[in-house]
Each structure stands twice: as C-alpha cells, then as structure tokens.
Amino acid sequence: SSELTETPIRREAMRPLDQADAEFRFATAVAG
C-alpha cells in the first residue's frame, strides 16, 4: 500500500534565474 505526501507550490517562490541556486541553473542548462 502506498503513502501520500503533498506540497503546495506558491507564487512567491519565484526567483530571477541568476538568483536561483546553482543546482537549478545547472539542471536548466542540461535540460536546454
């Protein structure tokens, strides 16, 4: 039987790309 976890994603979490963490920017580079 599975378990459930939930997380809201809120608008104020938005950051300019140059202020995002290195992990976000690198994953974005690889995705592109």
PDB file of all heavy atoms in Angstrom:
ATOM      1  N   SER A   1       0.849  -1.197   0.000  1.00  0.00           N
ATOM      2  CA  SER A   1       0.000   0.000   0.000  1.00  0.00           C
ATOM      3  C   SER A   1       0.882   1.245   0.000  1.00  0.00           C
ATOM      4  O   SER A   1       1.917   1.297   0.684  1.00  0.00           O
ATOM      5  CB  SER A   1      -0.913   0.023   1.233  1.00  0.00           C
ATOM      6  OG  SER A   1      -1.794  -1.090   1.219  1.00  0.00           O
ATOM      7  N   SER A   2       0.464   2.249  -0.751  1.00  0.00           N
ATOM      8  CA  SER A   2       1.282   3.457  -0.899  1.00  0.00           C
ATOM      9  C   SER A   2       0.971   4.487   0.172  1.00  0.00           C
ATOM     10  O   SER A   2      -0.091   4.462   0.807  1.00  0.00           O
ATOM     11  CB  SER A   2       1.056   4.072  -2.279  1.00  0.00           C
ATOM     12  OG  SER A   2      -0.276   4.523  -2.416  1.00  0.00           O
ATOM     13  N   GLU A   3       1.904   5.413   0.351  1.00  0.00           N
ATOM     14  CA  GLU A   3       1.735   6.554   1.247  1.00  0.00           C
ATOM     15  C   GLU A   3       1.715   7.821   0.401  1.00  0.00           C
ATOM     16  O   GLU A   3       2.272   7.863  -0.695  1.00  0.00           O
ATOM     17  CB  GLU A   3       2.869   6.600   2.271  1.00  0.00           C
ATOM     18  CG  GLU A   3       2.966   5.358   3.139  1.00  0.00           C
ATOM     19  CD  GLU A   3       4.114   5.417   4.134  1.00  0.00           C
ATOM     20  OE1 GLU A   3       4.498   6.540   4.531  1.00  0.00           O
ATOM     21  OE2 GLU A   3       4.635   4.355   4.499  1.00  0.00           O
ATOM     22  N   LEU A   4       1.108   8.861   0.931  1.00  0.00           N
ATOM     23  CA  LEU A   4       0.926  10.116   0.193  1.00  0.00           C
ATOM     24  C   LEU A   4       1.630  11.256   0.917  1.00  0.00           C
ATOM     25  O   LEU A   4       1.554  11.388   2.140  1.00  0.00           O
ATOM     26  CB  LEU A   4      -0.566  10.439   0.056  1.00  0.00           C
ATOM     27  CG  LEU A   4      -0.931  11.790  -0.569  1.00  0.00           C
ATOM     28  CD1 LEU A   4      -0.545  11.814  -2.047  1.00  0.00           C
ATOM     29  CD2 LEU A   4      -2.434  12.061  -0.401  1.00  0.00           C
ATOM     30  N   THR A   5       2.319  12.093   0.141  1.00  0.00           N
ATOM     31  CA  THR A   5       2.864  13.342   0.667  1.00  0.00           C
ATOM     32  C   THR A   5       2.459  14.467  -0.285  1.00  0.00           C
ATOM     33  O   THR A   5       2.391  14.270  -1.502  1.00  0.00           O
ATOM     34  CB  THR A   5       4.396  13.275   0.811  1.00  0.00           C
ATOM     35  OG1 THR A   5       4.871  14.521   1.332  1.00  0.00           O
ATOM     36  CG2 THR A   5       5.072  12.996  -0.510  1.00  0.00           C
ATOM     37  N   GLU A   6       2.159  15.663   0.259  1.00  0.00           N
ATOM     38  CA  GLU A   6       1.661  16.778  -0.549  1.00  0.00           C
ATOM     39  C   GLU A   6       2.461  18.044  -0.256  1.00  0.00           C
ATOM     40  O   GLU A   6       2.886  18.277   0.876  1.00  0.00           O
ATOM     41  CB  GLU A   6       0.176  17.025  -0.263  1.00  0.00           C
ATOM     42  CG  GLU A   6      -0.706  15.820  -0.567  1.00  0.00           C
ATOM     43  CD  GLU A   6      -2.184  16.112  -0.338  1.00  0.00           C
ATOM     44  OE1 GLU A   6      -2.799  16.738  -1.221  1.00  0.00           O
ATOM     45  OE2 GLU A   6      -2.696  15.735   0.731  1.00  0.00           O
ATOM     46  N   THR A   7       2.646  18.848  -1.297  1.00  0.00           N
ATOM     47  CA  THR A   7       3.417  20.085  -1.180  1.00  0.00           C
ATOM     48  C   THR A   7       2.782  21.175  -2.044  1.00  0.00           C
ATOM     49  O   THR A   7       2.656  20.994  -3.261  1.00  0.00           O
ATOM     50  CB  THR A   7       4.873  19.883  -1.643  1.00  0.00           C
ATOM     51  OG1 THR A   7       5.463  18.807  -0.910  1.00  0.00           O
ATOM     52  CG2 THR A   7       5.684  21.158  -1.460  1.00  0.00           C
ATOM     53  N   PRO A   8       2.347  22.293  -1.477  1.00  0.00           N
ATOM     54  CA  PRO A   8       1.869  23.402  -2.311  1.00  0.00           C
ATOM     55  C   PRO A   8       3.044  24.141  -2.954  1.00  0.00           C
ATOM     56  O   PRO A   8       4.121  24.246  -2.371  1.00  0.00           O
ATOM     57  CB  PRO A   8       1.128  24.293  -1.311  1.00  0.00           C
ATOM     58  CG  PRO A   8       1.778  24.004   0.005  1.00  0.00           C
ATOM     59  CD  PRO A   8       2.217  22.582  -0.034  1.00  0.00           C
ATOM     60  N   ILE A   9       2.829  24.644  -4.162  1.00  0.00           N
ATOM     61  CA  ILE A   9       3.851  25.407  -4.876  1.00  0.00           C
ATOM     62  C   ILE A   9       3.342  26.832  -5.000  1.00  0.00           C
ATOM     63  O   ILE A   9       2.370  27.101  -5.717  1.00  0.00           O
ATOM     64  CB  ILE A   9       4.115  24.798  -6.266  1.00  0.00           C
ATOM     65  CG1 ILE A   9       4.572  23.336  -6.111  1.00  0.00           C
ATOM     66  CG2 ILE A   9       5.162  25.617  -7.018  1.00  0.00           C
ATOM     67  CD1 ILE A   9       4.615  22.579  -7.408  1.00  0.00           C
ATOM     68  N   ARG A  10       3.981  27.753  -4.289  1.00  0.00           N
ATOM     69  CA  ARG A  10       3.458  29.094  -4.161  1.00  0.00           C
ATOM     70  C   ARG A  10       4.190  30.080  -5.064  1.00  0.00           C
ATOM     71  O   ARG A  10       5.381  29.932  -5.352  1.00  0.00           O
ATOM     72  CB  ARG A  10       3.532  29.544  -2.704  1.00  0.00           C
ATOM     73  CG  ARG A  10       2.700  28.663  -1.768  1.00  0.00           C
ATOM     74  CD  ARG A  10       2.745  29.170  -0.337  1.00  0.00           C
ATOM     75  NE  ARG A  10       2.228  30.526  -0.221  1.00  0.00           N
ATOM     76  CZ  ARG A  10       0.921  30.837  -0.188  1.00  0.00           C
ATOM     77  NH1 ARG A  10      -0.002  29.899  -0.269  1.00  0.00           N
ATOM     78  NH2 ARG A  10       0.553  32.093  -0.073  1.00  0.00           N
ATOM     79  N   ARG A  11       3.461  31.092  -5.474  1.00  0.00           N
ATOM     80  CA  ARG A  11       3.961  32.069  -6.434  1.00  0.00           C
ATOM     81  C   ARG A  11       5.154  32.841  -5.902  1.00  0.00           C
ATOM     82  O   ARG A  11       6.082  33.181  -6.654  1.00  0.00           O
ATOM     83  CB  ARG A  11       2.834  33.036  -6.810  1.00  0.00           C
ATOM     84  CG  ARG A  11       3.173  33.980  -7.930  1.00  0.00           C
ATOM     85  CD  ARG A  11       1.940  34.735  -8.392  1.00  0.00           C
ATOM     86  NE  ARG A  11       2.163  35.422  -9.649  1.00  0.00           N
ATOM     87  CZ  ARG A  11       1.185  35.925 -10.400  1.00  0.00           C
ATOM     88  NH1 ARG A  11      -0.074  35.802 -10.014  1.00  0.00           N
ATOM     89  NH2 ARG A  11       1.459  36.540 -11.531  1.00  0.00           N
ATOM     90  N   GLU A  12       5.189  33.105  -4.600  1.00  0.00           N
ATOM     91  CA  GLU A  12       6.280  33.923  -4.060  1.00  0.00           C
ATOM     92  C   GLU A  12       7.626  33.193  -4.063  1.00  0.00           C
ATOM     93  O   GLU A  12       8.660  33.786  -3.742  1.00  0.00           O
ATOM     94  CB  GLU A  12       5.954  34.402  -2.640  1.00  0.00           C
ATOM     95  CG  GLU A  12       5.712  33.289  -1.649  1.00  0.00           C
ATOM     96  CD  GLU A  12       4.218  33.041  -1.436  1.00  0.00           C
ATOM     97  OE1 GLU A  12       3.443  33.295  -2.385  1.00  0.00           O
ATOM     98  OE2 GLU A  12       3.849  32.613  -0.325  1.00  0.00           O
ATOM     99  N   ALA A  13       7.627  31.909  -4.425  1.00  0.00           N
ATOM    100  CA  ALA A  13       8.890  31.169  -4.526  1.00  0.00           C
ATOM    101  C   ALA A  13       9.673  31.541  -5.777  1.00  0.00           C
ATOM    102  O   ALA A  13      10.826  31.129  -5.926  1.00  0.00           O
ATOM    103  CB  ALA A  13       8.607  29.662  -4.524  1.00  0.00           C
ATOM    104  N   MET A  14       9.073  32.333  -6.667  1.00  0.00           N
ATOM    105  CA  MET A  14       9.733  32.732  -7.914  1.00  0.00           C
ATOM    106  C   MET A  14      10.974  33.570  -7.630  1.00  0.00           C
ATOM    107  O   MET A  14      10.965  34.458  -6.782  1.00  0.00           O
ATOM    108  CB  MET A  14       8.769  33.540  -8.770  1.00  0.00           C
ATOM    109  CG  MET A  14       9.343  34.003 -10.088  1.00  0.00           C
ATOM    110  SD  MET A  14       9.241  32.733 -11.329  1.00  0.00           S
ATOM    111  CE  MET A  14       7.469  32.647 -11.552  1.00  0.00           C
ATOM    112  N   ARG A  15      12.070  33.250  -8.338  1.00  0.00           N
ATOM    113  CA  ARG A  15      13.320  33.980  -8.247  1.00  0.00           C
ATOM    114  C   ARG A  15      13.829  34.266  -9.653  1.00  0.00           C
ATOM    115  O   ARG A  15      13.619  33.469 -10.571  1.00  0.00           O
ATOM    116  CB  ARG A  15      14.385  33.170  -7.497  1.00  0.00           C
ATOM    117  CG  ARG A  15      14.052  32.852  -6.045  1.00  0.00           C
ATOM    118  CD  ARG A  15      14.158  34.087  -5.158  1.00  0.00           C
ATOM    119  NE  ARG A  15      13.899  33.763  -3.762  1.00  0.00           N
ATOM    120  CZ  ARG A  15      12.696  33.747  -3.204  1.00  0.00           C
ATOM    121  NH1 ARG A  15      11.627  34.007  -3.958  1.00  0.00           N
ATOM    122  NH2 ARG A  15      12.537  33.457  -1.930  1.00  0.00           N
ATOM    123  N   PRO A  16      14.545  35.375  -9.868  1.00  0.00           N
ATOM    124  CA  PRO A  16      15.246  35.540 -11.150  1.00  0.00           C
ATOM    125  C   PRO A  16      16.229  34.389 -11.338  1.00  0.00           C
ATOM    126  O   PRO A  16      16.765  33.855 -10.360  1.00  0.00           O
ATOM    127  CB  PRO A  16      15.975  36.884 -10.989  1.00  0.00           C
ATOM    128  CG  PRO A  16      15.230  37.589  -9.897  1.00  0.00           C
ATOM    129  CD  PRO A  16      14.739  36.534  -8.974  1.00  0.00           C
ATOM    130  N   LEU A  17      16.474  34.018 -12.580  1.00  0.00           N
ATOM    131  CA  LEU A  17      17.333  32.862 -12.836  1.00  0.00           C
ATOM    132  C   LEU A  17      18.727  33.054 -12.246  1.00  0.00           C
ATOM    133  O   LEU A  17      19.310  32.108 -11.696  1.00  0.00           O
ATOM    134  CB  LEU A  17      17.429  32.598 -14.342  1.00  0.00           C
ATOM    135  CG  LEU A  17      18.208  31.344 -14.748  1.00  0.00           C
ATOM    136  CD1 LEU A  17      17.592  30.095 -14.139  1.00  0.00           C
ATOM    137  CD2 LEU A  17      18.274  31.226 -16.267  1.00  0.00           C
ATOM    138  N   ASP A  18      19.269  34.264 -12.319  1.00  0.00           N
ATOM    139  CA  ASP A  18      20.620  34.469 -11.801  1.00  0.00           C
ATOM    140  C   ASP A  18      20.664  34.439 -10.280  1.00  0.00           C
ATOM    141  O   ASP A  18      21.751  34.401  -9.688  1.00  0.00           O
ATOM    142  CB  ASP A  18      21.221  35.771 -12.326  1.00  0.00           C
ATOM    143  CG  ASP A  18      20.416  37.009 -11.951  1.00  0.00           C
ATOM    144  OD1 ASP A  18      19.372  36.864 -11.258  1.00  0.00           O
ATOM    145  OD2 ASP A  18      20.810  38.124 -12.345  1.00  0.00           O
ATOM    146  N   GLN A  19      19.500  34.444  -9.621  1.00  0.00           N
ATOM    147  CA  GLN A  19      19.444  34.325  -8.168  1.00  0.00           C
ATOM    148  C   GLN A  19      19.025  32.928  -7.716  1.00  0.00           C
ATOM    149  O   GLN A  19      19.001  32.639  -6.523  1.00  0.00           O
ATOM    150  CB  GLN A  19      18.484  35.364  -7.585  1.00  0.00           C
ATOM    151  CG  GLN A  19      18.946  36.799  -7.786  1.00  0.00           C
ATOM    152  CD  GLN A  19      17.968  37.808  -7.200  1.00  0.00           C
ATOM    153  OE1 GLN A  19      17.167  37.485  -6.319  1.00  0.00           O
ATOM    154  NE2 GLN A  19      18.039  39.048  -7.685  1.00  0.00           N
ATOM    155  N   ALA A  20      18.687  32.057  -8.672  1.00  0.00           N
ATOM    156  CA  ALA A  20      18.350  30.674  -8.333  1.00  0.00           C
ATOM    157  C   ALA A  20      19.624  29.950  -7.917  1.00  0.00           C
ATOM    158  O   ALA A  20      20.743  30.359  -8.253  1.00  0.00           O
ATOM    159  CB  ALA A  20      17.711  29.985  -9.529  1.00  0.00           C
ATOM    160  N   ASP A  21      19.476  28.847  -7.178  1.00  0.00           N
ATOM    161  CA  ASP A  21      20.664  28.120  -6.730  1.00  0.00           C
ATOM    162  C   ASP A  21      21.365  27.457  -7.908  1.00  0.00           C
ATOM    163  O   ASP A  21      20.802  27.279  -8.993  1.00  0.00           O
ATOM    164  CB  ASP A  21      20.299  27.090  -5.653  1.00  0.00           C
ATOM    165  CG  ASP A  21      19.283  26.067  -6.133  1.00  0.00           C
ATOM    166  OD1 ASP A  21      19.597  25.295  -7.061  1.00  0.00           O
ATOM    167  OD2 ASP A  21      18.175  26.015  -5.564  1.00  0.00           O
ATOM    168  N   ALA A  22      22.622  27.092  -7.686  1.00  0.00           N
ATOM    169  CA  ALA A  22      23.438  26.506  -8.746  1.00  0.00           C
ATOM    170  C   ALA A  22      22.840  25.210  -9.262  1.00  0.00           C
ATOM    171  O   ALA A  22      22.957  24.887 -10.458  1.00  0.00           O
ATOM    172  CB  ALA A  22      24.859  26.264  -8.243  1.00  0.00           C
ATOM    173  N   GLU A  23      22.179  24.451  -8.394  1.00  0.00           N
ATOM    174  CA  GLU A  23      21.585  23.180  -8.822  1.00  0.00           C
ATOM    175  C   GLU A  23      20.470  23.429  -9.847  1.00  0.00           C
ATOM    176  O   GLU A  23      20.355  22.702 -10.839  1.00  0.00           O
ATOM    177  CB  GLU A  23      21.028  22.419  -7.614  1.00  0.00           C
ATOM    178  CG  GLU A  23      21.954  22.351  -6.413  1.00  0.00           C
ATOM    179  CD  GLU A  23      23.327  21.813  -6.769  1.00  0.00           C
ATOM    180  OE1 GLU A  23      23.427  20.624  -7.093  1.00  0.00           O
ATOM    181  OE2 GLU A  23      24.301  22.591  -6.731  1.00  0.00           O
ATOM    182  N   PHE A  24      19.663  24.453  -9.596  1.00  0.00           N
ATOM    183  CA  PHE A  24      18.584  24.811 -10.532  1.00  0.00           C
ATOM    184  C   PHE A  24      19.177  25.244 -11.872  1.00  0.00           C
ATOM    185  O   PHE A  24      18.744  24.783 -12.941  1.00  0.00           O
ATOM    186  CB  PHE A  24      17.746  25.943  -9.928  1.00  0.00           C
ATOM    187  CG  PHE A  24      16.474  26.255 -10.680  1.00  0.00           C
ATOM    188  CD1 PHE A  24      15.234  26.026 -10.092  1.00  0.00           C
ATOM    189  CD2 PHE A  24      16.499  26.779 -11.969  1.00  0.00           C
ATOM    190  CE1 PHE A  24      14.060  26.310 -10.777  1.00  0.00           C
ATOM    191  CE2 PHE A  24      15.338  27.056 -12.660  1.00  0.00           C
ATOM    192  CZ  PHE A  24      14.108  26.825 -12.059  1.00  0.00           C
ATOM    193  N   ARG A  25      20.163  26.123 -11.817  1.00  0.00           N
ATOM    194  CA  ARG A  25      20.726  26.648 -13.060  1.00  0.00           C
ATOM    195  C   ARG A  25      21.415  25.553 -13.868  1.00  0.00           C
ATOM    196  O   ARG A  25      21.300  25.502 -15.094  1.00  0.00           O
ATOM    197  CB  ARG A  25      21.711  27.793 -12.762  1.00  0.00           C
ATOM    198  CG  ARG A  25      21.073  28.995 -12.067  1.00  0.00           C
ATOM    199  CD  ARG A  25      21.966  30.230 -12.142  1.00  0.00           C
ATOM    200  NE  ARG A  25      23.324  29.979 -11.682  1.00  0.00           N
ATOM    201  CZ  ARG A  25      23.726  30.056 -10.421  1.00  0.00           C
ATOM    202  NH1 ARG A  25      22.839  30.370  -9.466  1.00  0.00           N
ATOM    203  NH2 ARG A  25      24.994  29.843 -10.092  1.00  0.00           N
ATOM    204  N   PHE A  26      22.135  24.660 -13.187  1.00  0.00           N
ATOM    205  CA  PHE A  26      22.827  23.606 -13.931  1.00  0.00           C
ATOM    206  C   PHE A  26      21.822  22.629 -14.554  1.00  0.00           C
ATOM    207  O   PHE A  26      21.969  22.244 -15.726  1.00  0.00           O
ATOM    208  CB  PHE A  26      23.798  22.842 -13.030  1.00  0.00           C
ATOM    209  CG  PHE A  26      24.640  21.865 -13.790  1.00  0.00           C
ATOM    210  CD1 PHE A  26      25.773  22.279 -14.475  1.00  0.00           C
ATOM    211  CD2 PHE A  26      24.288  20.522 -13.855  1.00  0.00           C
ATOM    212  CE1 PHE A  26      26.536  21.387 -15.210  1.00  0.00           C
ATOM    213  CE2 PHE A  26      25.045  19.615 -14.583  1.00  0.00           C
ATOM    214  CZ  PHE A  26      26.172  20.051 -15.260  1.00  0.00           C
ATOM    215  N   ALA A  27      20.806  22.221 -13.803  1.00  0.00           N
ATOM    216  CA  ALA A  27      19.781  21.329 -14.361  1.00  0.00           C
ATOM    217  C   ALA A  27      19.094  21.983 -15.556  1.00  0.00           C
ATOM    218  O   ALA A  27      18.772  21.310 -16.550  1.00  0.00           O
ATOM    219  CB  ALA A  27      18.761  20.966 -13.283  1.00  0.00           C
ATOM    220  N   THR A  28      18.866  23.291 -15.473  1.00  0.00           N
ATOM    221  CA  THR A  28      18.253  24.020 -16.588  1.00  0.00           C
ATOM    222  C   THR A  28      19.167  23.998 -17.812  1.00  0.00           C
ATOM    223  O   THR A  28      18.705  23.807 -18.943  1.00  0.00           O
ATOM    224  CB  THR A  28      17.968  25.472 -16.172  1.00  0.00           C
ATOM    225  OG1 THR A  28      17.029  25.474 -15.095  1.00  0.00           O
ATOM    226  CG2 THR A  28      17.398  26.279 -17.329  1.00  0.00           C
ATOM    227  N   ALA A  29      20.474  24.178 -17.600  1.00  0.00           N
ATOM    228  CA  ALA A  29      21.424  24.139 -18.710  1.00  0.00           C
ATOM    229  C   ALA A  29      21.403  22.773 -19.398  1.00  0.00           C
ATOM    230  O   ALA A  29      21.398  22.674 -20.632  1.00  0.00           O
ATOM    231  CB  ALA A  29      22.834  24.467 -18.215  1.00  0.00           C
ATOM    232  N   VAL A  30      21.381  21.701 -18.603  1.00  0.00           N
ATOM    233  CA  VAL A  30      21.361  20.347 -19.170  1.00  0.00           C
ATOM    234  C   VAL A  30      20.048  20.102 -19.899  1.00  0.00           C
ATOM    235  O   VAL A  30      20.022  19.494 -20.978  1.00  0.00           O
ATOM    236  CB  VAL A  30      21.590  19.296 -18.070  1.00  0.00           C
ATOM    237  CG1 VAL A  30      21.520  17.890 -18.657  1.00  0.00           C
ATOM    238  CG2 VAL A  30      22.931  19.510 -17.389  1.00  0.00           C
ATOM    239  N   ALA A  31      18.944  20.591 -19.322  1.00  0.00           N
ATOM    240  CA  ALA A  31      17.642  20.428 -19.969  1.00  0.00           C
ATOM    241  C   ALA A  31      17.608  21.135 -21.316  1.00  0.00           C
ATOM    242  O   ALA A  31      17.093  20.598 -22.308  1.00  0.00           O
ATOM    243  CB  ALA A  31      16.530  20.963 -19.063  1.00  0.00           C
ATOM    244  N   GLY A  32      18.154  22.351 -21.369  1.00  0.00           N
ATOM    245  CA  GLY A  32      18.200  23.065 -22.636  1.00  0.00           C
ATOM    246  C   GLY A  32      19.102  22.373 -23.645  1.00  0.00           C
ATOM    247  O   GLY A  32      18.763  22.254 -24.829  1.00  0.00           O
TER     248      GLY A  32
END
